Amino acid sequence: MDAREEEEEDDEEAWLQLRPAEPLPSQCCGSGCSPCVFDLYARDLARWEAARASKDRSLLRGKELPCYQTGLMARYVESLRAGDTAFWRGPFGNFFYKPNQPGA
């Protein structure tokens, strides 16, 4: 395998790592939310496919849609700052949160 083929293989692996993960069926509450986690996944997947087709990773950084701006939980979450601690339970028990990782 020459250097060019290795580079293409590495590039393919890098793109696959950037592909959005499909939500599990249990991640949808079934209440008809708009946007639903599956709507957001479809949007992110379309953005990923367009970026991959044009080999433009900058297309992956799109403007995030504001969700539930008038909701009580959204206002609470927006008020949190780095280092704050929040405790809550959802319909499926404990909620485990992993902070977003900085973009590359």
PDB file of N, CA and C in Angstrom:
ATOM      1  N   MET A   1       0.853  -1.176   0.000  1.00  0.00           N
ATOM      2  CA  MET A   1       0.000   0.000   0.000  1.00  0.00           C
ATOM      3  C   MET A   1       0.898   1.237   0.000  1.00  0.00           C
ATOM      4  N   ASP A   2       0.652   2.124  -0.958  1.00  0.00           N
ATOM      5  CA  ASP A   2       1.487   3.334  -1.023  1.00  0.00           C
ATOM      6  C   ASP A   2       0.938   4.421  -0.088  1.00  0.00           C
ATOM      7  N   ALA A   3       1.676   5.523   0.020  1.00  0.00           N
ATOM      8  CA  ALA A   3       1.325   6.601   0.951  1.00  0.00           C
ATOM      9  C   ALA A   3      -0.031   7.214   0.615  1.00  0.00           C
ATOM     10  N   ARG A   4      -0.335   7.322  -0.685  1.00  0.00           N
ATOM     11  CA  ARG A   4      -1.611   7.919  -1.103  1.00  0.00           C
ATOM     12  C   ARG A   4      -2.788   7.055  -0.656  1.00  0.00           C
ATOM     13  N   GLU A   5      -2.661   5.729  -0.823  1.00  0.00           N
ATOM     14  CA  GLU A   5      -3.732   4.822  -0.399  1.00  0.00           C
ATOM     15  C   GLU A   5      -3.912   4.856   1.112  1.00  0.00           C
ATOM     16  N   GLU A   6      -2.794   4.939   1.855  1.00  0.00           N
ATOM     17  CA  GLU A   6      -2.868   5.030   3.313  1.00  0.00           C
ATOM     18  C   GLU A   6      -3.580   6.309   3.742  1.00  0.00           C
ATOM     19  N   GLU A   7      -3.273   7.414   3.048  1.00  0.00           N
ATOM     20  CA  GLU A   7      -3.898   8.698   3.370  1.00  0.00           C
ATOM     21  C   GLU A   7      -5.405   8.637   3.113  1.00  0.00           C
ATOM     22  N   GLU A   8      -5.813   8.024   1.993  1.00  0.00           N
ATOM     23  CA  GLU A   8      -7.231   7.892   1.683  1.00  0.00           C
ATOM     24  C   GLU A   8      -7.940   7.020   2.714  1.00  0.00           C
ATOM     25  N   GLU A   9      -7.272   5.950   3.158  1.00  0.00           N
ATOM     26  CA  GLU A   9      -7.863   5.068   4.167  1.00  0.00           C
ATOM     27  C   GLU A   9      -8.015   5.805   5.502  1.00  0.00           C
ATOM     28  N   ASP A  10      -6.991   6.580   5.885  1.00  0.00           N
ATOM     29  CA  ASP A  10      -7.067   7.374   7.111  1.00  0.00           C
ATOM     30  C   ASP A  10      -8.181   8.406   7.013  1.00  0.00           C
ATOM     31  N   ASP A  11      -8.301   9.034   5.827  1.00  0.00           N
ATOM     32  CA  ASP A  11      -9.345  10.039   5.623  1.00  0.00           C
ATOM     33  C   ASP A  11     -10.730   9.409   5.739  1.00  0.00           C
ATOM     34  N   GLU A  12     -10.885   8.212   5.175  1.00  0.00           N
ATOM     35  CA  GLU A  12     -12.167   7.510   5.258  1.00  0.00           C
ATOM     36  C   GLU A  12     -12.512   7.208   6.711  1.00  0.00           C
ATOM     37  N   GLU A  13     -11.530   6.746   7.477  1.00  0.00           N
ATOM     38  CA  GLU A  13     -11.767   6.450   8.893  1.00  0.00           C
ATOM     39  C   GLU A  13     -12.122   7.721   9.663  1.00  0.00           C
ATOM     40  N   ALA A  14     -11.466   8.827   9.342  1.00  0.00           N
ATOM     41  CA  ALA A  14     -11.757  10.093  10.008  1.00  0.00           C
ATOM     42  C   ALA A  14     -13.188  10.526   9.710  1.00  0.00           C
ATOM     43  N   TRP A  15     -13.640  10.379   8.462  1.00  0.00           N
ATOM     44  CA  TRP A  15     -15.021  10.749   8.121  1.00  0.00           C
ATOM     45  C   TRP A  15     -16.019   9.868   8.859  1.00  0.00           C
ATOM     46  N   LEU A  16     -15.719   8.566   8.953  1.00  0.00           N
ATOM     47  CA  LEU A  16     -16.643   7.661   9.642  1.00  0.00           C
ATOM     48  C   LEU A  16     -16.748   8.003  11.127  1.00  0.00           C
ATOM     49  N   GLN A  17     -15.667   8.492  11.715  1.00  0.00           N
ATOM     50  CA  GLN A  17     -15.710   8.903  13.121  1.00  0.00           C
ATOM     51  C   GLN A  17     -16.552  10.158  13.309  1.00  0.00           C
ATOM     52  N   LEU A  18     -16.675  10.976  12.273  1.00  0.00           N
ATOM     53  CA  LEU A  18     -17.469  12.206  12.351  1.00  0.00           C
ATOM     54  C   LEU A  18     -18.960  11.971  12.076  1.00  0.00           C
ATOM     55  N   ARG A  19     -19.297  10.778  11.581  1.00  0.00           N
ATOM     56  CA  ARG A  19     -20.698  10.481  11.258  1.00  0.00           C
ATOM     57  C   ARG A  19     -21.542  10.537  12.527  1.00  0.00           C
ATOM     58  N   PRO A  20     -22.682  11.224  12.483  1.00  0.00           N
ATOM     59  CA  PRO A  20     -23.532  11.302  13.673  1.00  0.00           C
ATOM     60  C   PRO A  20     -24.067   9.920  14.052  1.00  0.00           C
ATOM     61  N   ALA A  21     -24.187   9.691  15.351  1.00  0.00           N
ATOM     62  CA  ALA A  21     -24.704   8.413  15.851  1.00  0.00           C
ATOM     63  C   ALA A  21     -26.225   8.445  15.831  1.00  0.00           C
ATOM     64  N   GLU A  22     -26.813   7.366  15.317  1.00  0.00           N
ATOM     65  CA  GLU A  22     -28.275   7.279  15.285  1.00  0.00           C
ATOM     66  C   GLU A  22     -28.807   7.077  16.704  1.00  0.00           C
ATOM     67  N   PRO A  23     -29.830   7.826  17.085  1.00  0.00           N
ATOM     68  CA  PRO A  23     -30.394   7.657  18.426  1.00  0.00           C
ATOM     69  C   PRO A  23     -31.020   6.275  18.583  1.00  0.00           C
ATOM     70  N   LEU A  24     -31.013   5.791  19.794  1.00  0.00           N
ATOM     71  CA  LEU A  24     -31.700   4.538  20.098  1.00  0.00           C
ATOM     72  C   LEU A  24     -33.202   4.802  20.162  1.00  0.00           C
ATOM     73  N   PRO A  25     -34.020   3.813  19.867  1.00  0.00           N
ATOM     74  CA  PRO A  25     -35.465   4.017  19.970  1.00  0.00           C
ATOM     75  C   PRO A  25     -35.881   4.506  21.358  1.00  0.00           C
ATOM     76  N   SER A  26     -35.162   4.097  22.393  1.00  0.00           N
ATOM     77  CA  SER A  26     -35.511   4.502  23.754  1.00  0.00           C
ATOM     78  C   SER A  26     -35.202   5.979  24.020  1.00  0.00           C
ATOM     79  N   GLN A  27     -34.460   6.628  23.128  1.00  0.00           N
ATOM     80  CA  GLN A  27     -34.147   8.035  23.312  1.00  0.00           C
ATOM     81  C   GLN A  27     -35.266   8.953  22.824  1.00  0.00           C
ATOM     82  N   CYS A  28     -36.245   8.396  22.161  1.00  0.00           N
ATOM     83  CA  CYS A  28     -37.412   9.166  21.730  1.00  0.00           C
ATOM     84  C   CYS A  28     -38.513   8.957  22.756  1.00  0.00           C
ATOM     85  N   CYS A  29     -39.075  10.062  23.236  1.00  0.00           N
ATOM     86  CA  CYS A  29     -40.111   9.959  24.273  1.00  0.00           C
ATOM     87  C   CYS A  29     -41.470   9.593  23.678  1.00  0.00           C
ATOM     88  N   GLY A  30     -41.614   9.721  22.360  1.00  0.00           N
ATOM     89  CA  GLY A  30     -42.869   9.349  21.711  1.00  0.00           C
ATOM     90  C   GLY A  30     -43.988  10.352  21.877  1.00  0.00           C
ATOM     91  N   SER A  31     -43.661  11.561  22.357  1.00  0.00           N
ATOM     92  CA  SER A  31     -44.725  12.541  22.590  1.00  0.00           C
ATOM     93  C   SER A  31     -44.910  13.512  21.422  1.00  0.00           C
ATOM     94  N   GLY A  32     -44.211  13.287  20.327  1.00  0.00           N
ATOM     95  CA  GLY A  32     -44.368  14.157  19.162  1.00  0.00           C
ATOM     96  C   GLY A  32     -43.583  15.451  19.252  1.00  0.00           C
ATOM     97  N   CYS A  33     -42.498  15.464  20.004  1.00  0.00           N
ATOM     98  CA  CYS A  33     -41.667  16.669  20.139  1.00  0.00           C
ATOM     99  C   CYS A  33     -41.230  17.161  18.764  1.00  0.00           C
ATOM    100  N   SER A  34     -41.066  18.457  18.664  1.00  0.00           N
ATOM    101  CA  SER A  34     -40.531  19.040  17.441  1.00  0.00           C
ATOM    102  C   SER A  34     -39.469  20.066  17.833  1.00  0.00           C
ATOM    103  N   PRO A  35     -38.227  19.775  17.599  1.00  0.00           N
ATOM    104  CA  PRO A  35     -37.719  18.621  16.847  1.00  0.00           C
ATOM    105  C   PRO A  35     -37.552  17.398  17.738  1.00  0.00           C
ATOM    106  N   CYS A  36     -37.759  16.251  17.159  1.00  0.00           N
ATOM    107  CA  CYS A  36     -37.546  14.963  17.815  1.00  0.00           C
ATOM    108  C   CYS A  36     -36.057  14.622  17.684  1.00  0.00           C
ATOM    109  N   VAL A  37     -35.558  13.745  18.537  1.00  0.00           N
ATOM    110  CA  VAL A  37     -34.156  13.346  18.419  1.00  0.00           C
ATOM    111  C   VAL A  37     -33.885  12.744  17.044  1.00  0.00           C
ATOM    112  N   PHE A  38     -34.894  12.116  16.435  1.00  0.00           N
ATOM    113  CA  PHE A  38     -34.704  11.549  15.102  1.00  0.00           C
ATOM    114  C   PHE A  38     -34.691  12.633  14.021  1.00  0.00           C
ATOM    115  N   ASP A  39     -35.405  13.734  14.235  1.00  0.00           N
ATOM    116  CA  ASP A  39     -35.337  14.878  13.318  1.00  0.00           C
ATOM    117  C   ASP A  39     -33.924  15.482  13.342  1.00  0.00           C
ATOM    118  N   LEU A  40     -33.394  15.647  14.539  1.00  0.00           N
ATOM    119  CA  LEU A  40     -32.051  16.210  14.680  1.00  0.00           C
ATOM    120  C   LEU A  40     -31.008  15.290  14.061  1.00  0.00           C
ATOM    121  N   TYR A  41     -31.183  13.982  14.241  1.00  0.00           N
ATOM    122  CA  TYR A  41     -30.270  13.020  13.635  1.00  0.00           C
ATOM    123  C   TYR A  41     -30.327  13.109  12.109  1.00  0.00           C
ATOM    124  N   ALA A  42     -31.527  13.167  11.544  1.00  0.00           N
ATOM    125  CA  ALA A  42     -31.677  13.259  10.085  1.00  0.00           C
ATOM    126  C   ALA A  42     -31.005  14.525   9.555  1.00  0.00           C
ATOM    127  N   ARG A  43     -31.166  15.643  10.263  1.00  0.00           N
ATOM    128  CA  ARG A  43     -30.525  16.896   9.857  1.00  0.00           C
ATOM    129  C   ARG A  43     -29.006  16.775   9.912  1.00  0.00           C
ATOM    130  N   ASP A  44     -28.498  16.209  11.010  1.00  0.00           N
ATOM    131  CA  ASP A  44     -27.048  16.068  11.152  1.00  0.00           C
ATOM    132  C   ASP A  44     -26.474  15.083  10.141  1.00  0.00           C
ATOM    133  N   LEU A  45     -27.200  14.013   9.848  1.00  0.00           N
ATOM    134  CA  LEU A  45     -26.739  13.029   8.871  1.00  0.00           C
ATOM    135  C   LEU A  45     -26.693  13.652   7.478  1.00  0.00           C
ATOM    136  N   ALA A  46     -27.709  14.430   7.110  1.00  0.00           N
ATOM    137  CA  ALA A  46     -27.714  15.099   5.801  1.00  0.00           C
ATOM    138  C   ALA A  46     -26.547  16.080   5.703  1.00  0.00           C
ATOM    139  N   ARG A  47     -26.277  16.814   6.772  1.00  0.00           N
ATOM    140  CA  ARG A  47     -25.145  17.746   6.800  1.00  0.00           C
ATOM    141  C   ARG A  47     -23.833  16.986   6.638  1.00  0.00           C
ATOM    142  N   TRP A  48     -23.707  15.839   7.333  1.00  0.00           N
ATOM    143  CA  TRP A  48     -22.497  15.016   7.249  1.00  0.00           C
ATOM    144  C   TRP A  48     -22.308  14.474   5.832  1.00  0.00           C
ATOM    145  N   GLU A  49     -23.400  13.973   5.229  1.00  0.00           N
ATOM    146  CA  GLU A  49     -23.309  13.421   3.876  1.00  0.00           C
ATOM    147  C   GLU A  49     -22.895  14.494   2.867  1.00  0.00           C
ATOM    148  N   ALA A  50     -23.460  15.705   2.991  1.00  0.00           N
ATOM    149  CA  ALA A  50     -23.088  16.794   2.082  1.00  0.00           C
ATOM    150  C   ALA A  50     -21.625  17.197   2.276  1.00  0.00           C
ATOM    151  N   ALA A  51     -21.197  17.261   3.509  1.00  0.00           N
ATOM    152  CA  ALA A  51     -19.804  17.630   3.801  1.00  0.00           C
ATOM    153  C   ALA A  51     -18.851  16.569   3.276  1.00  0.00           C
ATOM    154  N   ARG A  52     -19.207  15.316   3.460  1.00  0.00           N
ATOM    155  CA  ARG A  52     -18.343  14.233   2.992  1.00  0.00           C
ATOM    156  C   ARG A  52     -18.263  14.222   1.467  1.00  0.00           C
ATOM    157  N   ALA A  53     -19.391  14.434   0.800  1.00  0.00           N
ATOM    158  CA  ALA A  53     -19.407  14.432  -0.667  1.00  0.00           C
ATOM    159  C   ALA A  53     -18.517  15.533  -1.230  1.00  0.00           C
ATOM    160  N   SER A  54     -18.502  16.681  -0.557  1.00  0.00           N
ATOM    161  CA  SER A  54     -17.684  17.801  -1.043  1.00  0.00           C
ATOM    162  C   SER A  54     -16.332  17.873  -0.321  1.00  0.00           C
ATOM    163  N   LYS A  55     -16.084  16.921   0.581  1.00  0.00           N
ATOM    164  CA  LYS A  55     -14.835  16.865   1.365  1.00  0.00           C
ATOM    165  C   LYS A  55     -14.564  18.178   2.088  1.00  0.00           C
ATOM    166  N   ASP A  56     -15.624  18.758   2.627  1.00  0.00           N
ATOM    167  CA  ASP A  56     -15.525  20.043   3.328  1.00  0.00           C
ATOM    168  C   ASP A  56     -15.991  19.863   4.769  1.00  0.00           C
ATOM    169  N   ARG A  57     -15.056  19.667   5.670  1.00  0.00           N
ATOM    170  CA  ARG A  57     -15.400  19.431   7.070  1.00  0.00           C
ATOM    171  C   ARG A  57     -15.996  20.666   7.741  1.00  0.00           C
ATOM    172  N   SER A  58     -15.771  21.827   7.169  1.00  0.00           N
ATOM    173  CA  SER A  58     -16.329  23.038   7.767  1.00  0.00           C
ATOM    174  C   SER A  58     -17.854  23.031   7.706  1.00  0.00           C
ATOM    175  N   LEU A  59     -18.438  22.264   6.781  1.00  0.00           N
ATOM    176  CA  LEU A  59     -19.898  22.193   6.680  1.00  0.00           C
ATOM    177  C   LEU A  59     -20.518  21.479   7.880  1.00  0.00           C
ATOM    178  N   LEU A  60     -19.710  20.742   8.628  1.00  0.00           N
ATOM    179  CA  LEU A  60     -20.234  20.026   9.783  1.00  0.00           C
ATOM    180  C   LEU A  60     -20.545  20.962  10.934  1.00  0.00           C
ATOM    181  N   ARG A  61     -19.961  22.147  10.915  1.00  0.00           N
ATOM    182  CA  ARG A  61     -20.212  23.114  11.987  1.00  0.00           C
ATOM    183  C   ARG A  61     -21.325  24.042  11.538  1.00  0.00           C
ATOM    184  N   GLY A  62     -22.539  23.628  11.774  1.00  0.00           N
ATOM    185  CA  GLY A  62     -23.688  24.435  11.383  1.00  0.00           C
ATOM    186  C   GLY A  62     -24.266  25.150  12.584  1.00  0.00           C
ATOM    187  N   LYS A  63     -25.129  26.083  12.318  1.00  0.00           N
ATOM    188  CA  LYS A  63     -25.800  26.803  13.391  1.00  0.00           C
ATOM    189  C   LYS A  63     -26.775  25.848  14.078  1.00  0.00           C
ATOM    190  N   GLU A  64     -26.685  25.767  15.387  1.00  0.00           N
ATOM    191  CA  GLU A  64     -27.573  24.894  16.139  1.00  0.00           C
ATOM    192  C   GLU A  64     -28.972  25.508  16.219  1.00  0.00           C
ATOM    193  N   LEU A  65     -29.969  24.675  16.138  1.00  0.00           N
ATOM    194  CA  LEU A  65     -31.343  25.141  16.256  1.00  0.00           C
ATOM    195  C   LEU A  65     -31.673  25.382  17.717  1.00  0.00           C
ATOM    196  N   PRO A  66     -32.279  26.518  18.049  1.00  0.00           N
ATOM    197  CA  PRO A  66     -32.694  26.715  19.438  1.00  0.00           C
ATOM    198  C   PRO A  66     -33.889  25.811  19.731  1.00  0.00           C
ATOM    199  N   CYS A  67     -33.810  25.063  20.809  1.00  0.00           N
ATOM    200  CA  CYS A  67     -34.884  24.145  21.172  1.00  0.00           C
ATOM    201  C   CYS A  67     -35.584  24.641  22.419  1.00  0.00           C
ATOM    202  N   TYR A  68     -36.890  24.726  22.376  1.00  0.00           N
ATOM    203  CA  TYR A  68     -37.704  25.016  23.542  1.00  0.00           C
ATOM    204  C   TYR A  68     -37.217  26.259  24.294  1.00  0.00           C
ATOM    205  N   GLN A  69     -37.014  27.357  23.583  1.00  0.00           N
ATOM    206  CA  GLN A  69     -36.476  28.564  24.197  1.00  0.00           C
ATOM    207  C   GLN A  69     -37.318  29.073  25.358  1.00  0.00           C
ATOM    208  N   THR A  70     -38.599  28.820  25.339  1.00  0.00           N
ATOM    209  CA  THR A  70     -39.456  29.314  26.418  1.00  0.00           C
ATOM    210  C   THR A  70     -39.692  28.260  27.490  1.00  0.00           C
ATOM    211  N   GLY A  71     -39.085  27.090  27.334  1.00  0.00           N
ATOM    212  CA  GLY A  71     -39.281  26.022  28.309  1.00  0.00           C
ATOM    213  C   GLY A  71     -38.527  26.287  29.602  1.00  0.00           C
ATOM    214  N   LEU A  72     -39.091  25.823  30.697  1.00  0.00           N
ATOM    215  CA  LEU A  72     -38.454  26.012  32.001  1.00  0.00           C
ATOM    216  C   LEU A  72     -37.098  25.319  32.077  1.00  0.00           C
ATOM    217  N   MET A  73     -37.017  24.116  31.561  1.00  0.00           N
ATOM    218  CA  MET A  73     -35.749  23.382  31.623  1.00  0.00           C
ATOM    219  C   MET A  73     -34.685  24.066  30.784  1.00  0.00           C
ATOM    220  N   ALA A  74     -35.052  24.553  29.594  1.00  0.00           N
ATOM    221  CA  ALA A  74     -34.078  25.238  28.735  1.00  0.00           C
ATOM    222  C   ALA A  74     -33.507  26.458  29.441  1.00  0.00           C
ATOM    223  N   ARG A  75     -34.370  27.218  30.107  1.00  0.00           N
ATOM    224  CA  ARG A  75     -33.884  28.400  30.832  1.00  0.00           C
ATOM    225  C   ARG A  75     -32.967  27.995  31.981  1.00  0.00           C
ATOM    226  N   TYR A  76     -33.300  26.903  32.645  1.00  0.00           N
ATOM    227  CA  TYR A  76     -32.461  26.433  33.742  1.00  0.00           C
ATOM    228  C   TYR A  76     -31.090  26.004  33.219  1.00  0.00           C
ATOM    229  N   VAL A  77     -31.084  25.205  32.151  1.00  0.00           N
ATOM    230  CA  VAL A  77     -29.821  24.715  31.595  1.00  0.00           C
ATOM    231  C   VAL A  77     -28.969  25.876  31.099  1.00  0.00           C
ATOM    232  N   GLU A  78     -29.591  26.870  30.464  1.00  0.00           N
ATOM    233  CA  GLU A  78     -28.831  28.025  29.992  1.00  0.00           C
ATOM    234  C   GLU A  78     -28.199  28.800  31.143  1.00  0.00           C
ATOM    235  N   SER A  79     -28.786  28.719  32.329  1.00  0.00           N
ATOM    236  CA  SER A  79     -28.242  29.457  33.468  1.00  0.00           C
ATOM    237  C   SER A  79     -27.045  28.758  34.097  1.00  0.00           C
ATOM    238  N   LEU A  80     -26.815  27.482  33.755  1.00  0.00           N
ATOM    239  CA  LEU A  80     -25.699  26.741  34.333  1.00  0.00           C
ATOM    240  C   LEU A  80     -24.367  27.259  33.792  1.00  0.00           C
ATOM    241  N   ARG A  81     -23.372  27.235  34.629  1.00  0.00           N
ATOM    242  CA  ARG A  81     -22.019  27.655  34.255  1.00  0.00           C
ATOM    243  C   ARG A  81     -21.063  26.500  34.511  1.00  0.00           C
ATOM    244  N   ALA A  82     -19.895  26.551  33.909  1.00  0.00           N
ATOM    245  CA  ALA A  82     -18.884  25.510  34.104  1.00  0.00           C
ATOM    246  C   ALA A  82     -18.644  25.319  35.593  1.00  0.00           C
ATOM    247  N   GLY A  83     -18.682  24.076  36.030  1.00  0.00           N
ATOM    248  CA  GLY A  83     -18.460  23.763  37.430  1.00  0.00           C
ATOM    249  C   GLY A  83     -19.729  23.621  38.244  1.00  0.00           C
ATOM    250  N   ASP A  84     -20.887  24.089  37.715  1.00  0.00           N
ATOM    251  CA  ASP A  84     -22.154  23.935  38.423  1.00  0.00           C
ATOM    252  C   ASP A  84     -22.540  22.453  38.470  1.00  0.00           C
ATOM    253  N   THR A  85     -23.298  22.087  39.467  1.00  0.00           N
ATOM    254  CA  THR A  85     -23.798  20.723  39.604  1.00  0.00           C
ATOM    255  C   THR A  85     -25.317  20.761  39.530  1.00  0.00           C
ATOM    256  N   ALA A  86     -25.885  19.852  38.771  1.00  0.00           N
ATOM    257  CA  ALA A  86     -27.344  19.782  38.648  1.00  0.00           C
ATOM    258  C   ALA A  86     -27.775  18.337  38.885  1.00  0.00           C
ATOM    259  N   PHE A  87     -28.872  18.169  39.580  1.00  0.00           N
ATOM    260  CA  PHE A  87     -29.428  16.848  39.827  1.00  0.00           C
ATOM    261  C   PHE A  87     -30.855  16.823  39.277  1.00  0.00           C
ATOM    262  N   TRP A  88     -31.179  15.815  38.488  1.00  0.00           N
ATOM    263  CA  TRP A  88     -32.549  15.638  38.036  1.00  0.00           C
ATOM    264  C   TRP A  88     -32.750  14.209  37.576  1.00  0.00           C
ATOM    265  N   ARG A  89     -33.985  13.856  37.462  1.00  0.00           N
ATOM    266  CA  ARG A  89     -34.352  12.528  36.978  1.00  0.00           C
ATOM    267  C   ARG A  89     -35.298  12.704  35.804  1.00  0.00           C
ATOM    268  N   GLY A  90     -35.157  11.833  34.851  1.00  0.00           N
ATOM    269  CA  GLY A  90     -36.029  11.867  33.690  1.00  0.00           C
ATOM    270  C   GLY A  90     -37.009  10.712  33.738  1.00  0.00           C
ATOM    271  N   PRO A  91     -37.758  10.542  32.679  1.00  0.00           N
ATOM    272  CA  PRO A  91     -38.765   9.476  32.675  1.00  0.00           C
ATOM    273  C   PRO A  91     -38.141   8.082  32.706  1.00  0.00           C
ATOM    274  N   PHE A  92     -36.845   7.970  32.409  1.00  0.00           N
ATOM    275  CA  PHE A  92     -36.194   6.664  32.370  1.00  0.00           C
ATOM    276  C   PHE A  92     -35.226   6.473  33.525  1.00  0.00           C
ATOM    277  N   GLY A  93     -35.323   7.244  34.589  1.00  0.00           N
ATOM    278  CA  GLY A  93     -34.424   7.079  35.725  1.00  0.00           C
ATOM    279  C   GLY A  93     -33.332   8.122  35.715  1.00  0.00           C
ATOM    280  N   ASN A  94     -32.184   7.774  36.260  1.00  0.00           N
ATOM    281  CA  ASN A  94     -31.080   8.721  36.361  1.00  0.00           C
ATOM    282  C   ASN A  94     -30.616   9.184  34.987  1.00  0.00           C
ATOM    283  N   PHE A  95     -30.187  10.410  34.925  1.00  0.00           N
ATOM    284  CA  PHE A  95     -29.709  11.008  33.686  1.00  0.00           C
ATOM    285  C   PHE A  95     -28.198  11.136  33.794  1.00  0.00           C
ATOM    286  N   PHE A  96     -27.480  10.505  32.896  1.00  0.00           N
ATOM    287  CA  PHE A  96     -26.025  10.574  32.903  1.00  0.00           C
ATOM    288  C   PHE A  96     -25.592  11.542  31.823  1.00  0.00           C
ATOM    289  N   TYR A  97     -24.808  12.513  32.196  1.00  0.00           N
ATOM    290  CA  TYR A  97     -24.397  13.575  31.283  1.00  0.00           C
ATOM    291  C   TYR A  97     -22.900  13.531  31.087  1.00  0.00           C
ATOM    292  N   LYS A  98     -22.468  13.601  29.838  1.00  0.00           N
ATOM    293  CA  LYS A  98     -21.052  13.717  29.512  1.00  0.00           C
ATOM    294  C   LYS A  98     -20.888  15.027  28.764  1.00  0.00           C
ATOM    295  N   PRO A  99     -20.081  15.937  29.290  1.00  0.00           N
ATOM    296  CA  PRO A  99     -19.927  17.241  28.639  1.00  0.00           C
ATOM    297  C   PRO A  99     -19.457  17.110  27.192  1.00  0.00           C
ATOM    298  N   ASN A 100     -19.864  18.052  26.361  1.00  0.00           N
ATOM    299  CA  ASN A 100     -19.399  18.076  24.975  1.00  0.00           C
ATOM    300  C   ASN A 100     -17.897  18.250  24.955  1.00  0.00           C
ATOM    301  N   GLN A 101     -17.279  17.629  23.985  1.00  0.00           N
ATOM    302  CA  GLN A 101     -15.842  17.754  23.826  1.00  0.00           C
ATOM    303  C   GLN A 101     -15.563  18.883  22.833  1.00  0.00           C
ATOM    304  N   PRO A 102     -14.507  19.662  23.044  1.00  0.00           N
ATOM    305  CA  PRO A 102     -14.201  20.745  22.106  1.00  0.00           C
ATOM    306  C   PRO A 102     -13.962  20.189  20.705  1.00  0.00           C
ATOM    307  N   GLY A 103     -14.384  20.941  19.708  1.00  0.00           N
ATOM    308  CA  GLY A 103     -14.201  20.520  18.315  1.00  0.00           C
ATOM    309  C   GLY A 103     -12.743  20.555  17.898  1.00  0.00           C
ATOM    310  N   ALA A 104     -12.431  19.754  16.923  1.00  0.00           N
ATOM    311  CA  ALA A 104     -11.043  19.701  16.440  1.00  0.00           C
ATOM    312  C   ALA A 104     -10.828  20.703  15.343  1.00  0.00           C
TER     313      ALA A 104
END
